[in-house]
Structures are given as C-alpha cells and as structure tokens.
PDB file of N, CA and C in Angstrom:
ATOM      1  N   UNK A   1      58.327 -38.788  36.489  1.00  0.00           N
ATOM      2  CA  UNK A   1      57.934 -37.524  36.317  1.00  0.00           C
ATOM      3  C   UNK A   1      57.431 -37.227  34.662  1.00  0.00           C
ATOM      4  N   UNK A   2      56.492 -36.582  34.657  1.00  0.00           N
ATOM      5  CA  UNK A   2      56.037 -36.295  33.125  1.00  0.00           C
ATOM      6  C   UNK A   2      57.414 -35.479  32.551  1.00  0.00           C
ATOM      7  N   UNK A   3      57.587 -35.999  31.350  1.00  0.00           N
ATOM      8  CA  UNK A   3      58.716 -35.282  30.614  1.00  0.00           C
ATOM      9  C   UNK A   3      58.464 -33.898  30.490  1.00  0.00           C
ATOM     10  N   UNK A   4      57.112 -33.596  29.960  1.00  0.00           N
ATOM     11  CA  UNK A   4      56.775 -32.151  29.672  1.00  0.00           C
ATOM     12  C   UNK A   4      56.923 -31.431  30.970  1.00  0.00           C
ATOM     13  N   UNK A   5      56.789 -31.810  32.171  1.00  0.00           N
ATOM     14  CA  UNK A   5      56.813 -30.981  33.411  1.00  0.00           C
ATOM     15  C   UNK A   5      58.515 -30.751  33.511  1.00  0.00           C
ATOM     16  N   UNK A   6      59.144 -31.828  33.107  1.00  0.00           N
ATOM     17  CA  UNK A   6      60.617 -31.696  33.488  1.00  0.00           C
ATOM     18  C   UNK A   6      61.151 -30.878  32.278  1.00  0.00           C
ATOM     19  N   UNK A   7      60.680 -30.799  31.176  1.00  0.00           N
ATOM     20  CA  UNK A   7      61.114 -29.680  30.172  1.00  0.00           C
ATOM     21  C   UNK A   7      60.853 -28.437  30.587  1.00  0.00           C
ATOM     22  N   UNK A   8      59.591 -28.091  31.424  1.00  0.00           N
ATOM     23  CA  UNK A   8      59.150 -26.799  31.567  1.00  0.00           C
ATOM     24  C   UNK A   8      60.192 -26.279  32.792  1.00  0.00           C
ATOM     25  N   UNK A   9      60.360 -27.178  33.812  1.00  0.00           N
ATOM     26  CA  UNK A   9      61.185 -26.947  34.837  1.00  0.00           C
ATOM     27  C   UNK A   9      62.638 -26.490  34.195  1.00  0.00           C
ATOM     28  N   UNK A  10      63.281 -27.318  33.332  1.00  0.00           N
ATOM     29  CA  UNK A  10      64.337 -26.782  32.939  1.00  0.00           C
ATOM     30  C   UNK A  10      64.309 -25.687  32.102  1.00  0.00           C
ATOM     31  N   UNK A  11      63.355 -25.262  31.145  1.00  0.00           N
ATOM     32  CA  UNK A  11      63.332 -24.068  30.632  1.00  0.00           C
ATOM     33  C   UNK A  11      63.073 -22.798  31.652  1.00  0.00           C
ATOM     34  N   UNK A  12      62.358 -23.283  32.669  1.00  0.00           N
ATOM     35  CA  UNK A  12      62.384 -22.102  33.875  1.00  0.00           C
ATOM     36  C   UNK A  12      63.626 -21.733  34.301  1.00  0.00           C
ATOM     37  N   UNK A  13      64.512 -22.755  34.716  1.00  0.00           N
ATOM     38  CA  UNK A  13      65.596 -22.725  35.484  1.00  0.00           C
ATOM     39  C   UNK A  13      66.575 -21.918  34.249  1.00  0.00           C
ATOM     40  N   UNK A  14      66.711 -22.396  33.182  1.00  0.00           N
ATOM     41  CA  UNK A  14      67.460 -21.335  32.260  1.00  0.00           C
ATOM     42  C   UNK A  14      67.049 -19.922  32.098  1.00  0.00           C
ATOM     43  N   UNK A  15      65.612 -19.753  31.963  1.00  0.00           N
ATOM     44  CA  UNK A  15      65.219 -18.297  32.030  1.00  0.00           C
ATOM     45  C   UNK A  15      65.623 -17.719  33.203  1.00  0.00           C
ATOM     46  N   UNK A  16      65.524 -18.299  34.310  1.00  0.00           N
ATOM     47  CA  UNK A  16      65.913 -17.579  35.829  1.00  0.00           C
ATOM     48  C   UNK A  16      67.301 -17.264  35.681  1.00  0.00           C
ATOM     49  N   UNK A  17      68.161 -18.207  35.271  1.00  0.00           N
ATOM     50  CA  UNK A  17      69.569 -17.744  35.129  1.00  0.00           C
ATOM     51  C   UNK A  17      70.158 -16.713  34.472  1.00  0.00           C
ATOM     52  N   UNK A  18      69.242 -16.377  33.470  1.00  0.00           N
ATOM     53  CA  UNK A  18      69.464 -15.000  32.672  1.00  0.00           C
ATOM     54  C   UNK A  18      69.006 -13.928  33.194  1.00  0.00           C
ATOM     55  N   UNK A  19      67.969 -13.987  34.128  1.00  0.00           N
ATOM     56  CA  UNK A  19      67.255 -12.890  34.456  1.00  0.00           C
ATOM     57  C   UNK A  19      67.893 -11.789  35.370  1.00  0.00           C
ATOM     58  N   UNK A  20      67.711 -10.601  35.070  1.00  0.00           N
ATOM     59  CA  UNK A  20      68.472  -9.455  35.609  1.00  0.00           C
ATOM     60  C   UNK A  20      67.446  -8.334  36.146  1.00  0.00           C
ATOM     61  N   UNK A  21      66.185  -8.728  36.142  1.00  0.00           N
ATOM     62  CA  UNK A  21      65.223  -7.820  36.667  1.00  0.00           C
ATOM     63  C   UNK A  21      65.121  -8.017  38.007  1.00  0.00           C
ATOM     64  N   UNK A  22      65.627  -6.905  38.921  1.00  0.00           N
ATOM     65  CA  UNK A  22      65.456  -7.462  40.589  1.00  0.00           C
ATOM     66  C   UNK A  22      64.178  -7.400  40.886  1.00  0.00           C
ATOM     67  N   UNK A  23      63.048  -6.588  40.382  1.00  0.00           N
ATOM     68  CA  UNK A  23      61.899  -6.422  40.887  1.00  0.00           C
ATOM     69  C   UNK A  23      61.126  -7.741  40.479  1.00  0.00           C
ATOM     70  N   UNK A  24      61.338  -8.450  39.230  1.00  0.00           N
ATOM     71  CA  UNK A  24      60.851  -9.537  38.925  1.00  0.00           C
ATOM     72  C   UNK A  24      61.389 -10.775  39.710  1.00  0.00           C
ATOM     73  N   UNK A  25      62.565 -10.625  39.977  1.00  0.00           N
ATOM     74  CA  UNK A  25      63.162 -11.690  41.040  1.00  0.00           C
ATOM     75  C   UNK A  25      62.482 -11.601  42.424  1.00  0.00           C
ATOM     76  N   UNK A  26      62.363 -10.343  42.883  1.00  0.00           N
ATOM     77  CA  UNK A  26      61.583 -10.282  44.041  1.00  0.00           C
ATOM     78  C   UNK A  26      60.295 -10.635  44.068  1.00  0.00           C
ATOM     79  N   UNK A  27      59.617 -10.590  43.198  1.00  0.00           N
ATOM     80  CA  UNK A  27      58.178 -11.040  43.071  1.00  0.00           C
ATOM     81  C   UNK A  27      57.957 -12.487  42.963  1.00  0.00           C
ATOM     82  N   UNK A  28      59.007 -13.005  42.295  1.00  0.00           N
ATOM     83  CA  UNK A  28      59.223 -14.536  42.374  1.00  0.00           C
ATOM     84  C   UNK A  28      59.541 -15.203  43.597  1.00  0.00           C
ATOM     85  N   UNK A  29      60.329 -14.477  44.246  1.00  0.00           N
ATOM     86  CA  UNK A  29      60.814 -14.896  45.885  1.00  0.00           C
ATOM     87  C   UNK A  29      59.574 -14.752  46.663  1.00  0.00           C
ATOM     88  N   UNK A  30      58.688 -13.587  46.426  1.00  0.00           N
ATOM     89  CA  UNK A  30      57.622 -13.562  47.250  1.00  0.00           C
ATOM     90  C   UNK A  30      56.365 -14.669  47.022  1.00  0.00           C
ATOM     91  N   UNK A  31      56.417 -14.973  45.770  1.00  0.00           N
ATOM     92  CA  UNK A  31      55.648 -16.032  45.473  1.00  0.00           C
ATOM     93  C   UNK A  31      55.873 -17.180  46.138  1.00  0.00           C
ATOM     94  N   UNK A  32      57.328 -17.609  45.936  1.00  0.00           N
ATOM     95  CA  UNK A  32      57.795 -18.625  46.599  1.00  0.00           C
ATOM     96  C   UNK A  32      57.514 -19.045  48.004  1.00  0.00           C
ATOM     97  N   UNK A  33      57.644 -17.709  48.783  1.00  0.00           N
ATOM     98  CA  UNK A  33      57.415 -17.588  50.246  1.00  0.00           C
ATOM     99  C   UNK A  33      55.998 -17.850  50.455  1.00  0.00           C
ATOM    100  N   UNK A  34      55.101 -17.173  49.796  1.00  0.00           N
ATOM    101  CA  UNK A  34      53.714 -17.458  50.024  1.00  0.00           C
ATOM    102  C   UNK A  34      53.170 -18.964  49.929  1.00  0.00           C
ATOM    103  N   UNK A  35      53.901 -19.496  48.980  1.00  0.00           N
ATOM    104  CA  UNK A  35      53.617 -20.933  48.576  1.00  0.00           C
ATOM    105  C   UNK A  35      53.957 -21.816  49.803  1.00  0.00           C
ATOM    106  N   UNK A  36      55.091 -21.480  50.464  1.00  0.00           N
ATOM    107  CA  UNK A  36      55.490 -22.187  51.400  1.00  0.00           C
ATOM    108  C   UNK A  36      54.817 -22.002  52.929  1.00  0.00           C
ATOM    109  N   UNK A  37      54.084 -20.813  52.822  1.00  0.00           N
ATOM    110  CA  UNK A  37      53.468 -20.361  54.154  1.00  0.00           C
ATOM    111  C   UNK A  37      52.260 -21.383  54.650  1.00  0.00           C
ATOM    112  N   UNK A  38      52.210 -21.539  55.801  1.00  0.00           N
ATOM    113  CA  UNK A  38      51.181 -22.270  56.267  1.00  0.00           C
ATOM    114  C   UNK A  38      49.865 -21.475  56.674  1.00  0.00           C
ATOM    115  N   UNK A  39      48.713 -21.887  55.934  1.00  0.00           N
ATOM    116  CA  UNK A  39      47.610 -21.136  55.956  1.00  0.00           C
ATOM    117  C   UNK A  39      46.890 -20.972  57.421  1.00  0.00           C
ATOM    118  N   UNK A  40      47.487 -21.995  58.376  1.00  0.00           N
ATOM    119  CA  UNK A  40      47.068 -21.848  59.574  1.00  0.00           C
ATOM    120  C   UNK A  40      47.368 -20.803  60.387  1.00  0.00           C
ATOM    121  N   UNK A  41      48.499 -20.017  59.981  1.00  0.00           N
ATOM    122  CA  UNK A  41      49.152 -18.856  60.686  1.00  0.00           C
ATOM    123  C   UNK A  41      48.243 -17.403  60.099  1.00  0.00           C
ATOM    124  N   UNK A  42      47.686 -17.887  58.978  1.00  0.00           N
ATOM    125  CA  UNK A  42      47.065 -16.559  58.372  1.00  0.00           C
ATOM    126  C   UNK A  42      45.564 -16.400  58.579  1.00  0.00           C
ATOM    127  N   UNK A  43      44.815 -17.366  59.390  1.00  0.00           N
ATOM    128  CA  UNK A  43      43.516 -17.166  59.704  1.00  0.00           C
ATOM    129  C   UNK A  43      43.348 -16.845  61.232  1.00  0.00           C
ATOM    130  N   UNK A  44      42.158 -16.472  61.542  1.00  0.00           N
ATOM    131  CA  UNK A  44      41.756 -15.614  62.641  1.00  0.00           C
ATOM    132  C   UNK A  44      41.744 -16.639  63.946  1.00  0.00           C
ATOM    133  N   UNK A  45      41.656 -16.198  65.122  1.00  0.00           N
ATOM    134  CA  UNK A  45      41.586 -17.108  66.166  1.00  0.00           C
ATOM    135  C   UNK A  45      40.171 -17.776  66.201  1.00  0.00           C
ATOM    136  N   UNK A  46      39.226 -17.025  65.698  1.00  0.00           N
ATOM    137  CA  UNK A  46      37.933 -17.606  65.628  1.00  0.00           C
ATOM    138  C   UNK A  46      37.702 -18.646  64.712  1.00  0.00           C
ATOM    139  N   UNK A  47      38.429 -18.387  63.778  1.00  0.00           N
ATOM    140  CA  UNK A  47      38.476 -19.625  62.401  1.00  0.00           C
ATOM    141  C   UNK A  47      39.176 -20.928  63.143  1.00  0.00           C
ATOM    142  N   UNK A  48      40.218 -20.628  63.777  1.00  0.00           N
ATOM    143  CA  UNK A  48      41.099 -21.922  64.415  1.00  0.00           C
ATOM    144  C   UNK A  48      39.954 -22.403  65.447  1.00  0.00           C
ATOM    145  N   UNK A  49      39.470 -21.609  66.105  1.00  0.00           N
ATOM    146  CA  UNK A  49      38.441 -22.386  67.192  1.00  0.00           C
ATOM    147  C   UNK A  49      37.539 -23.103  66.519  1.00  0.00           C
ATOM    148  N   UNK A  50      36.899 -22.744  65.642  1.00  0.00           N
ATOM    149  CA  UNK A  50      35.627 -23.259  64.845  1.00  0.00           C
ATOM    150  C   UNK A  50      36.368 -24.569  64.128  1.00  0.00           C
ATOM    151  N   UNK A  51      37.491 -24.435  63.615  1.00  0.00           N
ATOM    152  CA  UNK A  51      37.992 -25.910  62.902  1.00  0.00           C
ATOM    153  C   UNK A  51      38.404 -27.012  63.933  1.00  0.00           C
ATOM    154  N   UNK A  52      38.840 -26.417  65.195  1.00  0.00           N
ATOM    155  CA  UNK A  52      39.229 -27.115  66.163  1.00  0.00           C
ATOM    156  C   UNK A  52      37.892 -27.828  66.789  1.00  0.00           C
ATOM    157  N   UNK A  53      36.902 -27.210  66.860  1.00  0.00           N
ATOM    158  CA  UNK A  53      35.501 -27.680  67.215  1.00  0.00           C
ATOM    159  C   UNK A  53      35.137 -28.635  66.518  1.00  0.00           C
ATOM    160  N   UNK A  54      35.112 -28.293  65.220  1.00  0.00           N
ATOM    161  CA  UNK A  54      34.691 -29.289  64.113  1.00  0.00           C
ATOM    162  C   UNK A  54      35.505 -30.641  64.235  1.00  0.00           C
ATOM    163  N   UNK A  55      36.824 -30.411  64.350  1.00  0.00           N
ATOM    164  CA  UNK A  55      37.539 -31.878  64.634  1.00  0.00           C
ATOM    165  C   UNK A  55      37.143 -32.675  65.804  1.00  0.00           C
ATOM    166  N   UNK A  56      36.981 -31.910  66.865  1.00  0.00           N
ATOM    167  CA  UNK A  56      36.516 -32.491  68.206  1.00  0.00           C
ATOM    168  C   UNK A  56      35.010 -33.131  68.049  1.00  0.00           C
ATOM    169  N   UNK A  57      34.236 -32.466  67.316  1.00  0.00           N
ATOM    170  CA  UNK A  57      33.005 -33.107  67.047  1.00  0.00           C
ATOM    171  C   UNK A  57      33.054 -34.432  66.331  1.00  0.00           C
ATOM    172  N   UNK A  58      33.871 -34.513  65.086  1.00  0.00           N
ATOM    173  CA  UNK A  58      33.978 -35.471  64.397  1.00  0.00           C
ATOM    174  C   UNK A  58      34.869 -36.522  65.163  1.00  0.00           C
ATOM    175  N   UNK A  59      35.705 -36.333  65.969  1.00  0.00           N
ATOM    176  CA  UNK A  59      36.326 -37.291  66.790  1.00  0.00           C
ATOM    177  C   UNK A  59      35.280 -37.871  67.876  1.00  0.00           C
ATOM    178  N   UNK A  60      34.288 -37.291  68.350  1.00  0.00           N
ATOM    179  CA  UNK A  60      33.249 -37.802  69.152  1.00  0.00           C
ATOM    180  C   UNK A  60      32.088 -38.198  68.678  1.00  0.00           C
ATOM    181  N   UNK A  61      32.002 -38.436  67.033  1.00  0.00           N
ATOM    182  CA  UNK A  61      31.107 -38.880  66.526  1.00  0.00           C
ATOM    183  C   UNK A  61      30.078 -38.003  66.477  1.00  0.00           C
ATOM    184  N   UNK A  62      30.093 -36.590  66.642  1.00  0.00           N
ATOM    185  CA  UNK A  62      28.998 -35.906  66.628  1.00  0.00           C
ATOM    186  C   UNK A  62      28.776 -35.157  65.312  1.00  0.00           C
ATOM    187  N   UNK A  63      28.295 -36.136  64.408  1.00  0.00           N
ATOM    188  CA  UNK A  63      28.237 -35.551  62.929  1.00  0.00           C
ATOM    189  C   UNK A  63      26.776 -35.897  62.457  1.00  0.00           C
ATOM    190  N   UNK A  64      26.410 -34.977  61.400  1.00  0.00           N
ATOM    191  CA  UNK A  64      25.165 -35.115  60.725  1.00  0.00           C
ATOM    192  C   UNK A  64      25.611 -35.511  59.310  1.00  0.00           C
ATOM    193  N   UNK A  65      24.887 -36.616  59.007  1.00  0.00           N
ATOM    194  CA  UNK A  65      25.187 -37.152  57.634  1.00  0.00           C
ATOM    195  C   UNK A  65      24.682 -36.183  56.484  1.00  0.00           C
ATOM    196  N   UNK A  66      25.281 -36.396  55.284  1.00  0.00           N
ATOM    197  CA  UNK A  66      25.025 -35.562  54.124  1.00  0.00           C
ATOM    198  C   UNK A  66      23.524 -35.511  53.870  1.00  0.00           C
ATOM    199  N   UNK A  67      22.892 -36.799  53.961  1.00  0.00           N
ATOM    200  CA  UNK A  67      21.599 -36.672  53.566  1.00  0.00           C
ATOM    201  C   UNK A  67      20.538 -36.166  54.529  1.00  0.00           C
ATOM    202  N   UNK A  68      20.971 -36.086  55.811  1.00  0.00           N
ATOM    203  CA  UNK A  68      20.045 -35.423  56.637  1.00  0.00           C
ATOM    204  C   UNK A  68      20.342 -33.776  56.434  1.00  0.00           C
ATOM    205  N   UNK A  69      21.514 -33.472  56.107  1.00  0.00           N
ATOM    206  CA  UNK A  69      21.754 -31.959  55.991  1.00  0.00           C
ATOM    207  C   UNK A  69      20.782 -31.479  54.692  1.00  0.00           C
ATOM    208  N   UNK A  70      20.806 -32.459  53.802  1.00  0.00           N
ATOM    209  CA  UNK A  70      20.050 -32.135  52.439  1.00  0.00           C
ATOM    210  C   UNK A  70      18.524 -31.988  52.789  1.00  0.00           C
ATOM    211  N   UNK A  71      18.293 -32.842  53.785  1.00  0.00           N
ATOM    212  CA  UNK A  71      16.612 -32.741  54.175  1.00  0.00           C
ATOM    213  C   UNK A  71      16.464 -31.516  54.932  1.00  0.00           C
ATOM    214  N   UNK A  72      17.324 -30.892  55.708  1.00  0.00           N
ATOM    215  CA  UNK A  72      17.005 -29.780  56.485  1.00  0.00           C
ATOM    216  C   UNK A  72      17.339 -28.650  55.663  1.00  0.00           C
ATOM    217  N   UNK A  73      18.448 -28.580  54.748  1.00  0.00           N
ATOM    218  CA  UNK A  73      18.767 -27.301  54.045  1.00  0.00           C
ATOM    219  C   UNK A  73      18.409 -27.410  52.489  1.00  0.00           C
ATOM    220  N   UNK A  74      17.792 -28.437  52.127  1.00  0.00           N
ATOM    221  CA  UNK A  74      17.809 -28.680  50.598  1.00  0.00           C
ATOM    222  C   UNK A  74      17.431 -27.524  49.989  1.00  0.00           C
ATOM    223  N   UNK A  75      16.298 -26.989  50.240  1.00  0.00           N
ATOM    224  CA  UNK A  75      15.805 -25.612  49.487  1.00  0.00           C
ATOM    225  C   UNK A  75      16.750 -24.559  49.287  1.00  0.00           C
ATOM    226  N   UNK A  76      17.798 -24.505  50.349  1.00  0.00           N
ATOM    227  CA  UNK A  76      18.785 -23.489  50.139  1.00  0.00           C
ATOM    228  C   UNK A  76      19.871 -23.944  49.337  1.00  0.00           C
ATOM    229  N   UNK A  77      20.176 -25.054  49.442  1.00  0.00           N
ATOM    230  CA  UNK A  77      21.481 -25.543  48.518  1.00  0.00           C
ATOM    231  C   UNK A  77      21.376 -25.678  47.143  1.00  0.00           C
TER     232      UNK A  77
END
C-alpha cells in the first residue's frame, strides 16, 4: 500500500478519535452507508429490465459493433 495513503488513513483515524461534533459524525456515517449501498437497489424497474435485456442480447451475440454504430450515428456523436 502506498505510504502516503497509509499516512492519510492514520491521520483520519486520529482526527476521528478526537471528533465531538455529532452532526459531522452523522454525516460521515451516512457517507459510509451510501458508499456501501448497491446501486442496483436504487434504480427503477425499467432500468433494471433494460440492463437485463442488454445482458441477454450480449449473451445471445446480438451485438452491434462500434464501427457499425459510428456509421449509423456518426453525425450525432
């Protein structure tokens, strides 16, 4: 592990150990929770279906190459 990163972690741990601001601690806990959240649970059913359809198409080799897409949509990209 990068020594600089390790030093930053130690510095944060030391800072956290002296922190008495409850609202800041709550914000940090919320940040931690959002970092651990699975984005799949936050998207709509239609987005999930669209992703699943794309995976199914890829599994069935129903793909369009990048060069073909560039030919079709080139002027818009």
